[in-house]
N, C-alpha and C. Protein backbone atom coordinates (compact mmCIF):
# COMPACT_ATOMS: atom_id res chain seq x y z
N UNK A 1 -21.17 0.60 -59.16
CA UNK A 1 -19.70 0.38 -58.87
C UNK A 1 -18.32 0.18 -59.79
N UNK A 2 -17.61 1.23 -59.37
CA UNK A 2 -17.02 1.60 -60.33
C UNK A 2 -14.91 0.57 -60.53
N UNK A 3 -15.05 -0.37 -61.23
CA UNK A 3 -13.94 -1.18 -61.20
C UNK A 3 -12.44 -0.11 -61.14
N UNK A 4 -12.48 1.41 -62.34
CA UNK A 4 -11.44 2.21 -61.92
C UNK A 4 -10.97 2.08 -61.03
N UNK A 5 -12.48 3.16 -59.45
CA UNK A 5 -11.79 3.21 -57.56
C UNK A 5 -11.37 2.12 -57.55
N UNK A 6 -11.83 0.84 -57.89
CA UNK A 6 -10.57 -0.74 -57.07
C UNK A 6 -9.63 -0.67 -57.94
N UNK A 7 -9.08 0.02 -59.24
CA UNK A 7 -7.97 -0.75 -59.96
C UNK A 7 -7.47 -0.03 -58.97
N UNK A 8 -7.04 1.28 -59.09
CA UNK A 8 -6.79 2.65 -58.54
C UNK A 8 -6.43 2.49 -57.22
N UNK A 9 -7.43 1.38 -56.06
CA UNK A 9 -7.39 1.05 -54.75
C UNK A 9 -5.82 0.30 -54.66
N UNK A 10 -5.95 -0.73 -55.88
CA UNK A 10 -4.77 -2.05 -55.78
C UNK A 10 -3.78 -1.84 -55.50
N UNK A 11 -3.58 -0.69 -56.62
CA UNK A 11 -2.20 0.10 -56.84
C UNK A 11 -1.97 0.80 -56.82
N UNK A 12 -2.53 1.63 -55.28
CA UNK A 12 -2.02 3.06 -54.63
C UNK A 12 -2.54 1.88 -53.15
N UNK A 13 -2.13 0.72 -52.65
CA UNK A 13 -1.92 0.50 -51.94
C UNK A 13 -0.42 -0.76 -52.15
N UNK A 14 -0.62 -0.95 -53.05
CA UNK A 14 0.54 -1.84 -53.87
C UNK A 14 2.35 -0.53 -53.14
N UNK A 15 1.72 0.88 -53.37
CA UNK A 15 2.57 1.85 -53.31
C UNK A 15 3.12 1.98 -51.82
N UNK A 16 2.02 1.80 -50.70
CA UNK A 16 2.67 1.38 -49.74
C UNK A 16 3.81 0.27 -49.48
N UNK A 17 4.41 0.12 -49.80
CA UNK A 17 5.22 -0.69 -49.44
C UNK A 17 6.76 -0.65 -49.68
N UNK A 18 6.41 0.48 -51.15
CA UNK A 18 7.67 0.84 -51.35
C UNK A 18 7.79 2.56 -50.74
N UNK A 19 6.47 3.25 -50.23
CA UNK A 19 6.20 4.05 -49.68
C UNK A 19 7.23 4.24 -47.82
N UNK A 20 6.95 2.82 -47.36
CA UNK A 20 7.11 2.54 -45.83
C UNK A 20 8.81 2.19 -46.28
N UNK A 21 9.48 0.67 -47.27
CA UNK A 21 10.74 1.22 -47.17
C UNK A 21 11.76 1.73 -47.49
N UNK A 22 11.15 3.23 -48.21
CA UNK A 22 11.55 4.48 -48.09
C UNK A 22 11.82 5.13 -46.46
N UNK A 23 10.27 4.75 -46.13
CA UNK A 23 10.66 5.85 -45.02
C UNK A 23 10.89 4.75 -43.30
N UNK A 24 12.07 3.98 -44.03
CA UNK A 24 12.75 3.33 -42.97
C UNK A 24 13.77 3.44 -43.36
N UNK A 25 14.42 3.54 -44.75
CA UNK A 25 16.18 3.61 -45.21
C UNK A 25 15.80 5.65 -44.84
N UNK A 26 14.77 5.88 -45.07
CA UNK A 26 15.35 7.31 -44.82
C UNK A 26 15.65 8.01 -43.34
N UNK A 27 14.09 7.07 -42.78
CA UNK A 27 13.93 7.71 -41.16
C UNK A 27 13.06 9.54 -41.61
N UNK A 28 11.89 9.12 -42.44
CA UNK A 28 11.76 10.25 -42.78
C UNK A 28 10.46 10.38 -43.58
N UNK A 29 9.02 10.53 -43.86
CA UNK A 29 8.06 9.82 -44.86
C UNK A 29 7.33 11.62 -44.52
N UNK A 30 6.62 11.67 -46.20
CA UNK A 30 5.48 12.84 -45.78
C UNK A 30 4.55 12.29 -45.70
N UNK A 31 4.11 11.29 -44.70
CA UNK A 31 3.37 11.29 -44.15
C UNK A 31 2.98 11.06 -43.00
N UNK A 32 2.12 11.58 -41.60
CA UNK A 32 2.23 11.62 -41.19
C UNK A 32 1.81 9.89 -39.88
N UNK A 33 2.03 9.06 -39.19
CA UNK A 33 2.22 7.99 -38.76
C UNK A 33 1.03 7.67 -38.20
N UNK A 34 -0.50 9.09 -37.75
CA UNK A 34 -1.38 9.80 -37.64
C UNK A 34 -1.96 9.19 -38.75
N UNK A 35 -1.57 9.73 -40.00
CA UNK A 35 -2.36 9.65 -41.08
C UNK A 35 -2.39 8.95 -41.41
N UNK A 36 -1.15 8.17 -41.49
CA UNK A 36 -1.01 7.12 -42.13
C UNK A 36 -1.76 5.75 -40.95
N UNK A 37 -1.69 5.98 -40.50
CA UNK A 37 -3.06 5.17 -39.51
C UNK A 37 -5.18 5.55 -39.99
N UNK A 38 -4.56 6.35 -40.88
CA UNK A 38 -6.55 6.62 -40.72
C UNK A 38 -6.86 5.38 -41.87
N UNK A 39 -8.00 5.01 -41.78
CA UNK A 39 -8.54 4.54 -43.50
C UNK A 39 -9.54 5.33 -44.20
N UNK A 40 -9.90 6.59 -43.37
CA UNK A 40 -10.45 7.56 -44.27
C UNK A 40 -9.69 9.21 -44.58
N UNK A 41 -8.22 8.92 -45.01
CA UNK A 41 -7.49 10.00 -45.53
C UNK A 41 -7.26 8.87 -46.71
N UNK A 42 -7.29 7.90 -46.96
CA UNK A 42 -6.77 7.96 -48.92
C UNK A 42 -8.04 7.79 -49.17
N UNK A 43 -7.39 8.40 -50.69
CA UNK A 43 -8.61 7.98 -52.11
C UNK A 43 -9.52 7.06 -51.72
N UNK A 44 -9.41 5.60 -51.62
CA UNK A 44 -9.97 4.43 -51.60
C UNK A 44 -10.90 4.35 -50.41
N UNK A 45 -10.29 5.09 -48.90
CA UNK A 45 -10.61 4.63 -48.34
C UNK A 45 -12.23 6.29 -48.27
N UNK A 46 -11.93 6.96 -48.72
CA UNK A 46 -13.17 8.10 -48.93
C UNK A 46 -13.41 7.49 -49.83
N UNK A 47 -14.07 7.21 -50.85
CA UNK A 47 -14.64 6.26 -51.81
C UNK A 47 -15.04 5.17 -50.93
N UNK A 48 -15.14 5.16 -50.01
CA UNK A 48 -15.68 3.54 -49.47
C UNK A 48 -17.27 4.38 -48.29
N UNK A 49 -16.42 5.31 -48.15
CA UNK A 49 -17.09 6.32 -47.37
C UNK A 49 -18.05 6.72 -47.45
N UNK A 50 -17.66 7.51 -48.30
CA UNK A 50 -18.57 9.08 -49.33
C UNK A 50 -20.22 8.18 -50.23
N UNK A 51 -19.89 7.03 -50.83
CA UNK A 51 -20.49 7.06 -51.95
C UNK A 51 -21.62 6.53 -51.60
N UNK A 52 -22.96 5.98 -51.89
CA UNK A 52 -23.85 5.79 -51.91
C UNK A 52 -24.38 4.80 -52.18
N UNK A 53 -24.80 3.61 -51.75
CA UNK A 53 -24.93 2.44 -52.43
C UNK A 53 -24.28 1.28 -51.59
N UNK A 54 -22.84 2.01 -51.36
CA UNK A 54 -22.06 0.39 -51.40
C UNK A 54 -21.47 -0.43 -49.85
N UNK A 55 -22.02 -0.10 -49.26
CA UNK A 55 -22.91 -1.13 -47.93
C UNK A 55 -23.35 -2.32 -48.30
N UNK A 56 -24.44 -1.92 -49.03
CA UNK A 56 -25.56 -2.96 -49.90
C UNK A 56 -24.20 -4.56 -50.71
N UNK A 57 -22.74 -3.85 -50.78
CA UNK A 57 -22.39 -4.64 -51.98
C UNK A 57 -22.04 -5.49 -51.42
N UNK A 58 -21.81 -6.79 -51.88
CA UNK A 58 -21.57 -8.20 -51.50
C UNK A 58 -20.04 -7.31 -50.34
N UNK A 59 -19.00 -7.48 -50.91
CA UNK A 59 -17.79 -7.32 -50.19
C UNK A 59 -17.42 -7.21 -49.99
N UNK A 60 -18.10 -5.40 -49.50
CA UNK A 60 -17.88 -4.37 -49.02
C UNK A 60 -17.03 -4.00 -47.33
N UNK A 61 -18.01 -5.15 -46.79
CA UNK A 61 -17.88 -4.90 -44.97
C UNK A 61 -16.68 -5.89 -45.56
N UNK A 62 -15.80 -7.01 -45.67
CA UNK A 62 -15.09 -7.61 -45.95
C UNK A 62 -13.38 -6.97 -46.58
N UNK A 63 -13.50 -5.77 -47.30
CA UNK A 63 -12.79 -5.07 -48.01
C UNK A 63 -12.73 -3.61 -46.44
N UNK A 64 -13.79 -3.45 -46.12
CA UNK A 64 -14.10 -2.54 -45.66
C UNK A 64 -12.82 -2.07 -44.22
N UNK A 65 -12.99 -3.57 -43.27
CA UNK A 65 -12.93 -3.77 -42.22
C UNK A 65 -11.31 -4.33 -42.61
N UNK A 66 -11.11 -5.03 -43.82
CA UNK A 66 -9.03 -5.39 -44.36
C UNK A 66 -8.57 -3.76 -44.51
N UNK A 67 -9.44 -2.27 -45.09
CA UNK A 67 -8.64 -1.66 -45.22
C UNK A 67 -8.70 -0.45 -43.52
N UNK A 68 -8.91 -0.84 -43.22
CA UNK A 68 -9.10 -0.27 -41.73
C UNK A 68 -7.93 -0.73 -41.40
N UNK A 69 -7.46 -2.42 -41.25
CA UNK A 69 -6.47 -3.11 -40.86
C UNK A 69 -5.70 -3.18 -41.16
N UNK A 70 -5.41 -2.81 -42.78
CA UNK A 70 -4.56 -1.92 -43.59
C UNK A 70 -3.79 -0.83 -42.80
N UNK A 71 -4.21 0.37 -42.73
CA UNK A 71 -3.33 1.21 -42.46
C UNK A 71 -3.09 0.93 -41.22
N UNK A 72 -4.17 0.36 -40.28
CA UNK A 72 -3.63 -0.34 -38.80
C UNK A 72 -2.13 0.15 -39.17
N UNK A 73 -1.56 -1.18 -39.42
CA UNK A 73 -0.25 -1.98 -40.46
C UNK A 73 0.31 -0.77 -40.43
N UNK A 74 0.10 -0.20 -41.90
CA UNK A 74 1.15 0.95 -42.45
C UNK A 74 1.52 2.02 -41.00
N UNK A 75 0.86 2.65 -39.75
CA UNK A 75 0.70 2.96 -39.61
C UNK A 75 1.81 2.26 -38.07
N UNK A 76 1.73 1.18 -38.13
CA UNK A 76 2.69 0.12 -36.80
C UNK A 76 4.03 0.39 -37.90
N UNK A 77 3.98 -0.03 -38.63
CA UNK A 77 5.42 0.22 -39.36
C UNK A 77 6.52 1.52 -39.81
N UNK A 78 4.53 2.39 -39.80
CA UNK A 78 6.30 3.91 -40.38
C UNK A 78 6.12 4.53 -38.87
N UNK A 79 5.85 4.23 -37.90
CA UNK A 79 6.35 4.23 -36.10
C UNK A 79 7.07 4.25 -36.19
N UNK A 80 7.48 3.19 -36.34
CA UNK A 80 8.40 2.26 -35.85
C UNK A 80 10.50 3.24 -36.95
N UNK A 81 9.27 2.70 -38.29
CA UNK A 81 11.07 4.01 -39.63
C UNK A 81 10.87 4.88 -38.33
N UNK A 82 9.88 5.74 -38.38
CA UNK A 82 10.88 7.23 -38.05
C UNK A 82 10.87 7.39 -36.79
N UNK A 83 10.70 6.01 -36.08
CA UNK A 83 11.37 5.25 -34.62
C UNK A 83 12.39 5.63 -35.08
N UNK A 84 13.44 4.80 -36.31
CA UNK A 84 14.53 4.74 -36.22
C UNK A 84 15.13 3.32 -35.73
N UNK A 85 13.75 2.76 -35.81
CA UNK A 85 13.87 1.16 -35.17
C UNK A 85 14.21 0.36 -36.79
N UNK A 86 15.12 0.65 -37.93
CA UNK A 86 14.90 -0.36 -39.18
C UNK A 86 14.88 -1.43 -38.99
N UNK A 87 15.65 -2.44 -38.79
CA UNK A 87 15.71 -3.74 -38.31
C UNK A 87 14.25 -4.05 -37.79
N UNK A 88 13.37 -4.06 -36.47
CA UNK A 88 11.97 -4.25 -36.14
C UNK A 88 11.29 -4.16 -37.37
N UNK A 89 11.51 -2.88 -38.24
CA UNK A 89 10.35 -1.88 -38.84
C UNK A 89 10.67 -2.95 -40.35
N UNK A 90 11.93 -3.41 -40.89
CA UNK A 90 12.26 -4.45 -42.08
C UNK A 90 11.15 -5.77 -41.37
N UNK A 91 11.49 -6.00 -39.63
CA UNK A 91 10.90 -6.89 -39.99
C UNK A 91 9.64 -6.57 -39.95
N UNK A 92 8.84 -5.86 -39.51
CA UNK A 92 6.99 -5.49 -39.33
C UNK A 92 6.94 -6.20 -40.70
N UNK A 93 7.36 -6.02 -41.99
CA UNK A 93 7.24 -5.84 -43.31
C UNK A 93 7.53 -7.42 -44.36
N UNK A 94 8.20 -8.39 -43.07
CA UNK A 94 8.42 -9.59 -43.79
C UNK A 94 7.42 -10.47 -44.34
N UNK A 95 7.71 -11.33 -44.82
CA UNK A 95 6.20 -12.74 -44.95
C UNK A 95 6.46 -12.62 -43.60
N UNK A 96 4.62 -13.27 -43.29
CA UNK A 96 4.48 -13.38 -42.67
C UNK A 96 3.68 -12.60 -41.70
N UNK A 97 4.66 -11.48 -41.97
CA UNK A 97 4.19 -10.17 -40.66
C UNK A 97 3.28 -9.71 -40.99
N UNK A 98 2.24 -8.82 -39.60
CA UNK A 98 0.37 -8.44 -40.05
C UNK A 98 0.29 -7.85 -41.21
N UNK A 99 1.64 -7.15 -41.56
CA UNK A 99 1.17 -6.18 -42.41
C UNK A 99 1.40 -6.98 -43.77
N UNK A 100 2.49 -7.61 -44.23
CA UNK A 100 2.35 -8.19 -45.17
C UNK A 100 1.52 -9.27 -45.83
N UNK A 101 0.64 -9.82 -43.82
CA UNK A 101 -0.99 -10.17 -44.08
C UNK A 101 -1.98 -9.94 -44.55
N UNK A 102 -2.16 -8.72 -44.42
CA UNK A 102 -3.14 -7.55 -44.42
C UNK A 102 -3.40 -7.34 -45.64
N UNK A 103 -1.81 -7.05 -46.40
CA UNK A 103 -1.67 -5.94 -47.53
C UNK A 103 -2.29 -6.77 -48.90
N UNK A 104 -1.98 -8.01 -48.52
CA UNK A 104 -2.55 -9.37 -49.73
C UNK A 104 -3.58 -9.76 -49.64
N UNK A 105 -4.53 -9.89 -48.37
CA UNK A 105 -5.56 -9.93 -48.35
C UNK A 105 -6.50 -9.17 -48.34
N UNK A 106 -6.10 -7.74 -48.40
CA UNK A 106 -6.74 -6.30 -48.74
C UNK A 106 -6.33 -7.03 -50.75
N UNK A 107 -5.51 -7.30 -51.40
CA UNK A 107 -5.95 -7.44 -52.45
C UNK A 107 -6.35 -7.57 -52.91
N UNK A 108 -6.21 -9.31 -52.52
CA UNK A 108 -7.59 -9.96 -53.06
C UNK A 108 -9.00 -10.37 -52.41
N UNK A 109 -9.35 -9.47 -51.25
CA UNK A 109 -10.12 -8.93 -51.37
C UNK A 109 -10.87 -8.35 -52.21
N UNK A 110 -10.22 -6.70 -52.65
CA UNK A 110 -10.43 -5.75 -53.70
C UNK A 110 -10.74 -6.56 -55.25
N UNK A 111 -9.86 -7.28 -55.59
CA UNK A 111 -9.79 -8.66 -56.44
C UNK A 111 -11.11 -8.60 -56.66
N UNK A 112 -11.30 -9.74 -55.82
CA UNK A 112 -12.98 -10.57 -55.92
C UNK A 112 -13.92 -9.55 -55.89
N UNK A 113 -13.59 -8.26 -55.60
CA UNK A 113 -14.84 -6.95 -56.03
C UNK A 113 -14.79 -7.64 -56.50
N UNK A 114 -14.05 -6.59 -57.32
CA UNK A 114 -13.84 -6.31 -59.14
C UNK A 114 -14.00 -7.51 -59.97
N UNK A 115 -13.88 -8.23 -60.07
CA UNK A 115 -14.20 -9.55 -60.96
C UNK A 115 -15.05 -10.11 -60.31
N UNK A 116 -16.47 -9.84 -59.75
CA UNK A 116 -17.94 -10.01 -59.03
C UNK A 116 -18.33 -9.02 -60.26
N UNK A 117 -17.90 -8.06 -60.41
CA UNK A 117 -18.77 -7.19 -61.30
C UNK A 117 -18.86 -7.44 -62.47
């Protein structure tokens, strides 16, 4: 179990908010909606999928599920942003939105996993 990997995951997924806000403002992004929606394209997703023995970790299942949902919601926001629906995209990132709820839940779950070590 690698705390560096968990810390990196927290930071990387926090950066998604900025990336999405930039996409909303600019109407473009360096990542496609399809790739943003996939939970196995980011470094953390690859680590979750490829690291032997992780499935036996207590926090693995919850983190994997939340990570999947996070990327699905990021893809939804990015889809709105790239379609030029700025108001809808911004609203989809507001307090109480599925994106923000799953983002927070993912961060808390990764922190709990890290701190359990």
